[in-house]
Amino acid sequence: MIGVIASIIGGLMLREYIMLIAPVVFIISLKNRDAGLVGYFLYIIYSSSKVVSGDVYTYEELINALIFAFSGVLLLDDILKRDIRMKKLEIIPVLFILLGVLLPESFLAGGVLYFFMMKPSLRVALPIIGSILAFAILKENLLGLGPSGQTVVFGSFALFTLAATFLMRDVKRVEMFK
């Protein structure tokens, strides 16, 4: 349920009220997981076209982009888990997310805290650290390109990371049709 709450609070913070339909997408996923994933896909594509995020080197634009990203990822986690009950440990990140209405950085702290509670492996952090380093190193070159150039660089880095991860994993031969 933390993703639904984060999407609602994020929508209120960004004043993008299309994000308030996140509970509908979650309810669809409770009935049918595949339909919920299709609904999530449509929700993210439509809402991302409404949430305007410009230059990642501008503090307010970066905060807006991170709020949207955290709320989207947390909603996807809810859709995949399909669990209505909130665990006791999730109360603290939810409080931080709720305080995000007053202080946007609190929203981000709640999202980061929740991700740490999931105990991700180091492999999860490598693409994030890599993209931060890429944007730090290429700052002078990316400032002149504007938001579209930054999107291309971020997308390229994400695709490179996915390809490298896929090629480096241990793939076992599996018979599909026995």
N, C-alpha and C. Protein backbone atom coordinates (compact mmCIF):
# COMPACT_ATOMS: atom_id res chain seq x y z
N MET A 1 0.81 -1.21 0.00
CA MET A 1 0.00 0.00 0.00
C MET A 1 0.85 1.27 0.00
N ILE A 2 2.15 1.14 0.24
CA ILE A 2 3.00 2.32 0.32
C ILE A 2 3.10 3.01 -1.05
N GLY A 3 3.04 2.24 -2.11
CA GLY A 3 3.11 2.82 -3.45
C GLY A 3 1.86 3.61 -3.80
N VAL A 4 0.71 3.13 -3.37
CA VAL A 4 -0.53 3.86 -3.61
C VAL A 4 -0.51 5.18 -2.84
N ILE A 5 -0.07 5.11 -1.59
CA ILE A 5 0.02 6.34 -0.78
C ILE A 5 1.03 7.30 -1.39
N ALA A 6 2.18 6.77 -1.82
CA ALA A 6 3.21 7.62 -2.42
C ALA A 6 2.72 8.26 -3.72
N SER A 7 1.96 7.53 -4.51
CA SER A 7 1.44 8.10 -5.76
C SER A 7 0.42 9.20 -5.49
N ILE A 8 -0.42 9.00 -4.50
CA ILE A 8 -1.41 10.03 -4.16
C ILE A 8 -0.71 11.28 -3.63
N ILE A 9 0.22 11.11 -2.70
CA ILE A 9 0.94 12.24 -2.14
C ILE A 9 1.79 12.91 -3.22
N GLY A 10 2.45 12.11 -4.05
CA GLY A 10 3.24 12.66 -5.14
C GLY A 10 2.39 13.46 -6.12
N GLY A 11 1.21 12.96 -6.44
CA GLY A 11 0.31 13.69 -7.32
C GLY A 11 -0.12 15.02 -6.72
N LEU A 12 -0.38 15.02 -5.42
CA LEU A 12 -0.75 16.28 -4.75
C LEU A 12 0.43 17.25 -4.72
N MET A 13 1.63 16.73 -4.46
CA MET A 13 2.81 17.58 -4.39
C MET A 13 3.13 18.19 -5.75
N LEU A 14 3.02 17.38 -6.81
CA LEU A 14 3.36 17.85 -8.15
C LEU A 14 2.19 18.57 -8.83
N ARG A 15 1.04 18.54 -8.19
CA ARG A 15 -0.20 19.09 -8.74
C ARG A 15 -0.55 18.45 -10.09
N GLU A 16 -0.29 17.16 -10.16
CA GLU A 16 -0.66 16.35 -11.31
C GLU A 16 -1.71 15.36 -10.84
N TYR A 17 -2.95 15.73 -11.00
CA TYR A 17 -4.04 14.97 -10.40
C TYR A 17 -4.35 13.67 -11.12
N ILE A 18 -3.71 13.44 -12.27
CA ILE A 18 -3.86 12.16 -12.94
C ILE A 18 -3.23 11.04 -12.10
N MET A 19 -2.28 11.40 -11.24
CA MET A 19 -1.63 10.41 -10.39
C MET A 19 -2.56 9.90 -9.29
N LEU A 20 -3.68 10.56 -9.11
CA LEU A 20 -4.64 10.14 -8.08
C LEU A 20 -5.42 8.89 -8.48
N ILE A 21 -5.26 8.43 -9.72
CA ILE A 21 -5.95 7.20 -10.14
C ILE A 21 -5.12 5.95 -9.82
N ALA A 22 -4.01 6.12 -9.11
CA ALA A 22 -3.18 4.97 -8.73
C ALA A 22 -3.96 3.91 -7.96
N PRO A 23 -4.88 4.28 -7.05
CA PRO A 23 -5.65 3.23 -6.37
C PRO A 23 -6.48 2.37 -7.33
N VAL A 24 -6.95 2.95 -8.41
CA VAL A 24 -7.72 2.17 -9.39
C VAL A 24 -6.82 1.12 -10.03
N VAL A 25 -5.60 1.52 -10.37
CA VAL A 25 -4.66 0.57 -10.97
C VAL A 25 -4.33 -0.54 -9.98
N PHE A 26 -4.17 -0.19 -8.71
CA PHE A 26 -3.88 -1.19 -7.68
C PHE A 26 -5.05 -2.15 -7.50
N ILE A 27 -6.27 -1.64 -7.51
CA ILE A 27 -7.45 -2.49 -7.36
C ILE A 27 -7.57 -3.45 -8.54
N ILE A 28 -7.25 -2.96 -9.73
CA ILE A 28 -7.25 -3.84 -10.91
C ILE A 28 -6.24 -4.97 -10.73
N SER A 29 -5.07 -4.64 -10.17
CA SER A 29 -4.04 -5.67 -9.98
C SER A 29 -4.46 -6.70 -8.93
N LEU A 30 -5.30 -6.30 -7.97
CA LEU A 30 -5.79 -7.26 -6.99
C LEU A 30 -6.69 -8.30 -7.64
N LYS A 31 -7.45 -7.88 -8.63
CA LYS A 31 -8.34 -8.81 -9.33
C LYS A 31 -7.57 -9.70 -10.30
N ASN A 32 -6.63 -9.08 -11.05
CA ASN A 32 -5.87 -9.81 -12.06
C ASN A 32 -4.51 -9.14 -12.20
N ARG A 33 -3.46 -9.88 -11.92
CA ARG A 33 -2.11 -9.30 -11.94
C ARG A 33 -1.73 -8.80 -13.32
N ASP A 34 -2.03 -9.55 -14.37
CA ASP A 34 -1.67 -9.13 -15.72
C ASP A 34 -2.41 -7.86 -16.12
N ALA A 35 -3.68 -7.80 -15.80
CA ALA A 35 -4.45 -6.58 -16.10
C ALA A 35 -3.91 -5.40 -15.30
N GLY A 36 -3.48 -5.67 -14.07
CA GLY A 36 -2.89 -4.61 -13.25
C GLY A 36 -1.60 -4.09 -13.86
N LEU A 37 -0.78 -4.99 -14.41
CA LEU A 37 0.47 -4.55 -15.04
C LEU A 37 0.21 -3.75 -16.31
N VAL A 38 -0.80 -4.15 -17.07
CA VAL A 38 -1.17 -3.38 -18.26
C VAL A 38 -1.69 -2.01 -17.84
N GLY A 39 -2.53 -1.98 -16.80
CA GLY A 39 -3.03 -0.71 -16.28
C GLY A 39 -1.90 0.16 -15.76
N TYR A 40 -0.92 -0.43 -15.10
CA TYR A 40 0.24 0.32 -14.61
C TYR A 40 1.03 0.91 -15.77
N PHE A 41 1.23 0.11 -16.80
CA PHE A 41 1.96 0.57 -17.98
C PHE A 41 1.27 1.79 -18.61
N LEU A 42 -0.04 1.69 -18.77
CA LEU A 42 -0.79 2.81 -19.34
C LEU A 42 -0.77 4.03 -18.40
N TYR A 43 -0.89 3.77 -17.11
CA TYR A 43 -0.85 4.84 -16.11
C TYR A 43 0.48 5.59 -16.15
N ILE A 44 1.58 4.84 -16.18
CA ILE A 44 2.91 5.47 -16.17
C ILE A 44 3.16 6.23 -17.45
N ILE A 45 2.77 5.68 -18.57
CA ILE A 45 2.99 6.39 -19.84
C ILE A 45 2.18 7.68 -19.87
N TYR A 46 0.92 7.61 -19.48
CA TYR A 46 0.09 8.81 -19.52
C TYR A 46 0.52 9.84 -18.49
N SER A 47 0.78 9.39 -17.26
CA SER A 47 1.15 10.35 -16.22
C SER A 47 2.53 10.94 -16.47
N SER A 48 3.44 10.18 -17.07
CA SER A 48 4.76 10.74 -17.35
C SER A 48 4.70 11.79 -18.44
N SER A 49 3.70 11.72 -19.29
CA SER A 49 3.55 12.78 -20.30
C SER A 49 3.00 14.06 -19.67
N LYS A 50 2.36 13.94 -18.52
CA LYS A 50 1.80 15.11 -17.84
C LYS A 50 2.78 15.76 -16.87
N VAL A 51 3.63 14.94 -16.24
CA VAL A 51 4.59 15.47 -15.27
C VAL A 51 5.77 16.04 -16.04
N VAL A 52 5.95 17.34 -15.94
CA VAL A 52 7.01 18.01 -16.68
C VAL A 52 8.23 18.08 -15.78
N SER A 53 9.31 17.54 -16.28
CA SER A 53 10.58 17.61 -15.57
C SER A 53 11.63 18.06 -16.57
N GLY A 54 12.28 19.12 -16.26
CA GLY A 54 13.24 19.70 -17.19
C GLY A 54 14.66 19.27 -16.90
N ASP A 55 15.48 20.21 -16.63
CA ASP A 55 16.91 20.04 -16.44
C ASP A 55 17.21 19.37 -15.10
N VAL A 56 17.96 18.25 -15.12
CA VAL A 56 18.27 17.56 -13.87
C VAL A 56 19.30 18.31 -13.04
N TYR A 57 19.88 19.34 -13.60
CA TYR A 57 20.85 20.15 -12.86
C TYR A 57 20.17 21.30 -12.12
N THR A 58 18.86 21.42 -12.27
CA THR A 58 18.08 22.39 -11.51
C THR A 58 17.45 21.65 -10.33
N TYR A 59 17.60 22.19 -9.14
CA TYR A 59 17.19 21.49 -7.93
C TYR A 59 15.71 21.14 -7.94
N GLU A 60 14.85 22.10 -8.25
CA GLU A 60 13.40 21.85 -8.21
C GLU A 60 12.98 20.82 -9.25
N GLU A 61 13.56 20.88 -10.43
CA GLU A 61 13.22 19.92 -11.48
C GLU A 61 13.69 18.52 -11.11
N LEU A 62 14.85 18.43 -10.51
CA LEU A 62 15.36 17.13 -10.08
C LEU A 62 14.47 16.53 -8.99
N ILE A 63 14.05 17.36 -8.04
CA ILE A 63 13.16 16.88 -6.96
C ILE A 63 11.85 16.38 -7.57
N ASN A 64 11.27 17.13 -8.52
CA ASN A 64 10.03 16.70 -9.17
C ASN A 64 10.21 15.37 -9.89
N ALA A 65 11.32 15.22 -10.60
CA ALA A 65 11.57 13.97 -11.32
C ALA A 65 11.73 12.80 -10.35
N LEU A 66 12.42 13.03 -9.25
CA LEU A 66 12.62 11.96 -8.27
C LEU A 66 11.33 11.60 -7.55
N ILE A 67 10.50 12.58 -7.27
CA ILE A 67 9.20 12.29 -6.64
C ILE A 67 8.36 11.42 -7.56
N PHE A 68 8.32 11.78 -8.84
CA PHE A 68 7.55 10.98 -9.79
C PHE A 68 8.14 9.58 -9.92
N ALA A 69 9.47 9.48 -10.00
CA ALA A 69 10.11 8.18 -10.16
C ALA A 69 9.88 7.29 -8.94
N PHE A 70 10.06 7.85 -7.74
CA PHE A 70 9.85 7.05 -6.53
C PHE A 70 8.40 6.58 -6.43
N SER A 71 7.46 7.46 -6.71
CA SER A 71 6.06 7.05 -6.59
C SER A 71 5.72 5.98 -7.63
N GLY A 72 6.29 6.08 -8.82
CA GLY A 72 6.04 5.07 -9.84
C GLY A 72 6.63 3.72 -9.50
N VAL A 73 7.85 3.71 -9.00
CA VAL A 73 8.50 2.44 -8.64
C VAL A 73 7.82 1.81 -7.43
N LEU A 74 7.44 2.62 -6.46
CA LEU A 74 6.75 2.07 -5.29
C LEU A 74 5.38 1.52 -5.66
N LEU A 75 4.69 2.17 -6.61
CA LEU A 75 3.41 1.64 -7.07
C LEU A 75 3.61 0.31 -7.79
N LEU A 76 4.65 0.21 -8.59
CA LEU A 76 4.94 -1.05 -9.27
C LEU A 76 5.21 -2.16 -8.26
N ASP A 77 5.92 -1.83 -7.19
CA ASP A 77 6.17 -2.81 -6.13
C ASP A 77 4.86 -3.28 -5.52
N ASP A 78 3.95 -2.36 -5.27
CA ASP A 78 2.63 -2.74 -4.72
C ASP A 78 1.87 -3.63 -5.68
N ILE A 79 1.91 -3.31 -6.95
CA ILE A 79 1.17 -4.08 -7.95
C ILE A 79 1.74 -5.50 -8.05
N LEU A 80 3.05 -5.62 -7.96
CA LEU A 80 3.65 -6.95 -8.05
C LEU A 80 3.40 -7.77 -6.78
N LYS A 81 3.41 -7.12 -5.63
CA LYS A 81 3.18 -7.85 -4.37
C LYS A 81 1.71 -8.15 -4.13
N ARG A 82 0.83 -7.23 -4.54
CA ARG A 82 -0.61 -7.39 -4.39
C ARG A 82 -1.01 -7.65 -2.94
N ASP A 83 -0.44 -6.89 -2.03
CA ASP A 83 -0.72 -7.06 -0.61
C ASP A 83 -1.37 -5.79 -0.08
N ILE A 84 -2.50 -5.95 0.58
CA ILE A 84 -3.24 -4.79 1.10
C ILE A 84 -2.70 -4.37 2.47
N ARG A 85 -2.28 -5.32 3.27
CA ARG A 85 -1.82 -5.02 4.62
C ARG A 85 -0.48 -4.31 4.62
N MET A 86 -0.34 -3.38 5.53
CA MET A 86 0.92 -2.66 5.67
C MET A 86 1.67 -3.26 6.86
N LYS A 87 2.96 -3.53 6.65
CA LYS A 87 3.77 -4.08 7.73
C LYS A 87 4.15 -2.97 8.71
N LYS A 88 4.51 -3.38 9.92
CA LYS A 88 4.87 -2.41 10.95
C LYS A 88 6.07 -1.58 10.54
N LEU A 89 7.04 -2.17 9.88
CA LEU A 89 8.24 -1.45 9.46
C LEU A 89 7.96 -0.41 8.38
N GLU A 90 6.86 -0.57 7.65
CA GLU A 90 6.53 0.38 6.59
C GLU A 90 5.93 1.68 7.12
N ILE A 91 5.59 1.71 8.39
CA ILE A 91 4.96 2.91 8.95
C ILE A 91 5.92 4.10 8.93
N ILE A 92 7.19 3.86 9.23
CA ILE A 92 8.16 4.96 9.26
C ILE A 92 8.35 5.58 7.88
N PRO A 93 8.59 4.79 6.81
CA PRO A 93 8.68 5.42 5.49
C PRO A 93 7.39 6.13 5.08
N VAL A 94 6.24 5.58 5.46
CA VAL A 94 4.97 6.23 5.11
C VAL A 94 4.86 7.59 5.79
N LEU A 95 5.32 7.68 7.04
CA LEU A 95 5.30 8.97 7.73
C LEU A 95 6.18 9.99 7.02
N PHE A 96 7.36 9.56 6.57
CA PHE A 96 8.23 10.45 5.81
C PHE A 96 7.56 10.88 4.50
N ILE A 97 6.90 9.94 3.84
CA ILE A 97 6.23 10.25 2.58
C ILE A 97 5.09 11.24 2.82
N LEU A 98 4.33 11.04 3.88
CA LEU A 98 3.25 11.97 4.21
C LEU A 98 3.78 13.35 4.55
N LEU A 99 4.93 13.43 5.22
CA LEU A 99 5.54 14.73 5.52
C LEU A 99 6.06 15.42 4.26
N GLY A 100 6.12 14.67 3.17
CA GLY A 100 6.56 15.23 1.89
C GLY A 100 5.67 16.36 1.41
N VAL A 101 4.43 16.41 1.87
CA VAL A 101 3.54 17.51 1.50
C VAL A 101 4.11 18.83 2.00
N LEU A 102 4.73 18.80 3.16
CA LEU A 102 5.33 20.01 3.73
C LEU A 102 6.77 20.21 3.28
N LEU A 103 7.53 19.12 3.16
CA LEU A 103 8.93 19.18 2.81
C LEU A 103 9.22 18.09 1.77
N PRO A 104 9.41 18.46 0.49
CA PRO A 104 9.58 17.45 -0.56
C PRO A 104 10.76 16.49 -0.32
N GLU A 105 11.78 16.94 0.34
CA GLU A 105 12.93 16.07 0.61
C GLU A 105 12.55 14.93 1.54
N SER A 106 11.55 15.14 2.38
CA SER A 106 11.07 14.09 3.26
C SER A 106 10.46 12.95 2.46
N PHE A 107 9.77 13.28 1.39
CA PHE A 107 9.20 12.26 0.50
C PHE A 107 10.32 11.37 -0.04
N LEU A 108 11.38 12.00 -0.51
CA LEU A 108 12.51 11.24 -1.07
C LEU A 108 13.19 10.40 0.00
N ALA A 109 13.30 10.94 1.22
CA ALA A 109 13.89 10.18 2.32
C ALA A 109 13.05 8.95 2.63
N GLY A 110 11.74 9.09 2.61
CA GLY A 110 10.86 7.94 2.84
C GLY A 110 11.02 6.88 1.76
N GLY A 111 11.14 7.31 0.51
CA GLY A 111 11.34 6.35 -0.57
C GLY A 111 12.66 5.61 -0.45
N VAL A 112 13.73 6.34 -0.15
CA VAL A 112 15.04 5.72 0.02
C VAL A 112 15.03 4.76 1.21
N LEU A 113 14.41 5.17 2.29
CA LEU A 113 14.33 4.33 3.48
C LEU A 113 13.58 3.03 3.17
N TYR A 114 12.51 3.12 2.41
CA TYR A 114 11.76 1.92 2.05
C TYR A 114 12.61 0.99 1.18
N PHE A 115 13.37 1.57 0.23
CA PHE A 115 14.21 0.73 -0.60
C PHE A 115 15.30 0.02 0.21
N PHE A 116 15.85 0.71 1.21
CA PHE A 116 16.84 0.07 2.07
C PHE A 116 16.21 -1.05 2.90
N MET A 117 14.94 -0.89 3.25
CA MET A 117 14.25 -1.93 4.01
C MET A 117 14.04 -3.19 3.18
N MET A 118 14.04 -3.04 1.86
CA MET A 118 13.88 -4.21 0.98
C MET A 118 15.18 -5.00 0.88
N LYS A 119 16.27 -4.48 1.42
CA LYS A 119 17.59 -5.11 1.43
C LYS A 119 18.04 -5.50 0.03
N PRO A 120 18.20 -4.50 -0.85
CA PRO A 120 18.64 -4.81 -2.21
C PRO A 120 20.12 -5.19 -2.24
N SER A 121 20.49 -5.92 -3.25
CA SER A 121 21.90 -6.30 -3.40
C SER A 121 22.68 -5.13 -3.98
N LEU A 122 23.98 -5.26 -3.99
CA LEU A 122 24.84 -4.21 -4.50
C LEU A 122 24.64 -4.00 -6.00
N ARG A 123 24.22 -5.04 -6.70
CA ARG A 123 23.98 -4.92 -8.14
C ARG A 123 22.89 -3.90 -8.46
N VAL A 124 21.96 -3.72 -7.55
CA VAL A 124 20.88 -2.75 -7.76
C VAL A 124 21.43 -1.33 -7.69
N ALA A 125 22.39 -1.10 -6.81
CA ALA A 125 22.94 0.24 -6.62
C ALA A 125 23.90 0.64 -7.73
N LEU A 126 24.52 -0.30 -8.41
CA LEU A 126 25.51 0.04 -9.44
C LEU A 126 24.95 0.90 -10.58
N PRO A 127 23.79 0.59 -11.15
CA PRO A 127 23.28 1.47 -12.21
C PRO A 127 22.95 2.87 -11.70
N ILE A 128 22.47 2.96 -10.48
CA ILE A 128 22.13 4.27 -9.92
C ILE A 128 23.38 5.09 -9.70
N ILE A 129 24.40 4.47 -9.11
CA ILE A 129 25.66 5.16 -8.89
C ILE A 129 26.31 5.52 -10.22
N GLY A 130 26.22 4.60 -11.18
CA GLY A 130 26.79 4.86 -12.50
C GLY A 130 26.13 6.03 -13.21
N SER A 131 24.80 6.11 -13.12
CA SER A 131 24.12 7.23 -13.79
C SER A 131 24.44 8.55 -13.09
N ILE A 132 24.57 8.54 -11.77
CA ILE A 132 24.95 9.76 -11.05
C ILE A 132 26.34 10.20 -11.47
N LEU A 133 27.27 9.24 -11.57
CA LEU A 133 28.62 9.57 -12.01
C LEU A 133 28.64 10.08 -13.45
N ALA A 134 27.84 9.46 -14.32
CA ALA A 134 27.79 9.90 -15.72
C ALA A 134 27.29 11.33 -15.81
N PHE A 135 26.26 11.66 -15.06
CA PHE A 135 25.74 13.03 -15.09
C PHE A 135 26.71 14.02 -14.45
N ALA A 136 27.47 13.56 -13.46
CA ALA A 136 28.45 14.46 -12.83
C ALA A 136 29.63 14.71 -13.76
N ILE A 137 30.09 13.67 -14.43
CA ILE A 137 31.24 13.80 -15.32
C ILE A 137 30.88 14.58 -16.57
N LEU A 138 29.69 14.34 -17.11
CA LEU A 138 29.29 14.96 -18.37
C LEU A 138 28.50 16.26 -18.18
N LYS A 139 28.57 16.86 -17.02
CA LYS A 139 27.76 18.04 -16.72
C LYS A 139 27.98 19.16 -17.72
N GLU A 140 29.22 19.47 -18.02
CA GLU A 140 29.52 20.57 -18.95
C GLU A 140 28.93 20.31 -20.33
N ASN A 141 28.97 19.08 -20.78
CA ASN A 141 28.45 18.73 -22.10
C ASN A 141 26.93 18.68 -22.12
N LEU A 142 26.33 18.25 -21.02
CA LEU A 142 24.88 18.07 -20.98
C LEU A 142 24.11 19.36 -20.72
N LEU A 143 24.76 20.34 -20.12
CA LEU A 143 24.05 21.59 -19.82
C LEU A 143 23.56 22.27 -21.09
N GLY A 144 24.33 22.20 -22.15
CA GLY A 144 23.94 22.83 -23.41
C GLY A 144 22.88 22.06 -24.18
N LEU A 145 22.74 20.77 -23.89
CA LEU A 145 21.78 19.95 -24.62
C LEU A 145 20.35 20.13 -24.16
N GLY A 146 20.18 20.53 -22.90
CA GLY A 146 18.83 20.70 -22.37
C GLY A 146 18.24 19.38 -21.93
N PRO A 147 16.96 19.39 -21.57
CA PRO A 147 16.31 18.19 -21.03
C PRO A 147 16.26 17.02 -22.00
N SER A 148 16.10 17.29 -23.29
CA SER A 148 16.01 16.18 -24.24
C SER A 148 17.34 15.45 -24.36
N GLY A 149 18.44 16.18 -24.38
CA GLY A 149 19.75 15.54 -24.42
C GLY A 149 20.04 14.75 -23.16
N GLN A 150 19.61 15.28 -22.04
CA GLN A 150 19.81 14.57 -20.78
C GLN A 150 18.99 13.29 -20.76
N THR A 151 17.81 13.34 -21.33
CA THR A 151 16.97 12.14 -21.40
C THR A 151 17.64 11.08 -22.27
N VAL A 152 18.23 11.50 -23.38
CA VAL A 152 18.91 10.55 -24.27
C VAL A 152 20.10 9.92 -23.55
N VAL A 153 20.88 10.72 -22.84
CA VAL A 153 22.03 10.18 -22.12
C VAL A 153 21.58 9.21 -21.03
N PHE A 154 20.56 9.59 -20.26
CA PHE A 154 20.06 8.71 -19.20
C PHE A 154 19.49 7.42 -19.79
N GLY A 155 18.72 7.53 -20.85
CA GLY A 155 18.16 6.34 -21.50
C GLY A 155 19.23 5.44 -22.07
N SER A 156 20.24 6.03 -22.67
CA SER A 156 21.35 5.24 -23.22
C SER A 156 22.10 4.51 -22.12
N PHE A 157 22.33 5.21 -21.01
CA PHE A 157 23.03 4.58 -19.89
C PHE A 157 22.18 3.45 -19.31
N ALA A 158 20.87 3.66 -19.22
CA ALA A 158 19.99 2.61 -18.69
C ALA A 158 20.00 1.38 -19.61
N LEU A 159 19.94 1.60 -20.92
CA LEU A 159 19.98 0.47 -21.86
C LEU A 159 21.32 -0.24 -21.81
N PHE A 160 22.41 0.52 -21.70
CA PHE A 160 23.73 -0.09 -21.57
C PHE A 160 23.81 -0.94 -20.31
N THR A 161 23.30 -0.43 -19.21
CA THR A 161 23.32 -1.17 -17.95
C THR A 161 22.49 -2.44 -18.04
N LEU A 162 21.31 -2.35 -18.65
CA LEU A 162 20.47 -3.54 -18.82
C LEU A 162 21.16 -4.59 -19.69
N ALA A 163 21.78 -4.14 -20.78
CA ALA A 163 22.48 -5.08 -21.67
C ALA A 163 23.66 -5.73 -20.96
N ALA A 164 24.42 -4.93 -20.23
CA ALA A 164 25.57 -5.48 -19.51
C ALA A 164 25.12 -6.47 -18.44
N THR A 165 24.05 -6.15 -17.74
CA THR A 165 23.52 -7.05 -16.70
C THR A 165 23.05 -8.35 -17.32
N PHE A 166 22.37 -8.26 -18.46
CA PHE A 166 21.86 -9.46 -19.12
C PHE A 166 23.01 -10.33 -19.61
N LEU A 167 24.05 -9.71 -20.15
CA LEU A 167 25.16 -10.48 -20.70
C LEU A 167 26.05 -11.09 -19.60
N MET A 168 26.06 -10.48 -18.43
CA MET A 168 26.94 -10.96 -17.36
C MET A 168 26.28 -11.99 -16.45
N ARG A 169 24.99 -12.19 -16.56
CA ARG A 169 24.34 -13.14 -15.65
C ARG A 169 24.57 -14.57 -16.12
N ASP A 170 24.40 -15.47 -15.20
CA ASP A 170 24.58 -16.88 -15.48
C ASP A 170 23.26 -17.43 -16.01
N VAL A 171 23.26 -17.75 -17.31
CA VAL A 171 22.05 -18.24 -17.95
C VAL A 171 22.14 -19.76 -18.04
N LYS A 172 21.13 -20.41 -17.48
CA LYS A 172 21.08 -21.85 -17.53
C LYS A 172 20.15 -22.25 -18.68
N ARG A 173 20.49 -23.33 -19.30
CA ARG A 173 19.68 -23.81 -20.42
C ARG A 173 18.39 -24.41 -19.87
N VAL A 174 17.27 -23.93 -20.39
CA VAL A 174 15.99 -24.40 -19.94
C VAL A 174 15.17 -24.82 -21.14
N GLU A 175 14.57 -25.97 -21.04
CA GLU A 175 13.67 -26.45 -22.10
C GLU A 175 12.32 -25.80 -21.89
N MET A 176 11.83 -25.12 -22.90
CA MET A 176 10.55 -24.45 -22.77
C MET A 176 9.38 -25.41 -22.92
N PHE A 177 9.46 -26.25 -23.93
CA PHE A 177 8.38 -27.20 -24.18
C PHE A 177 8.94 -28.61 -24.03
N LYS A 178 8.59 -29.28 -22.94
CA LYS A 178 9.09 -30.63 -22.73
C LYS A 178 8.14 -31.64 -23.27
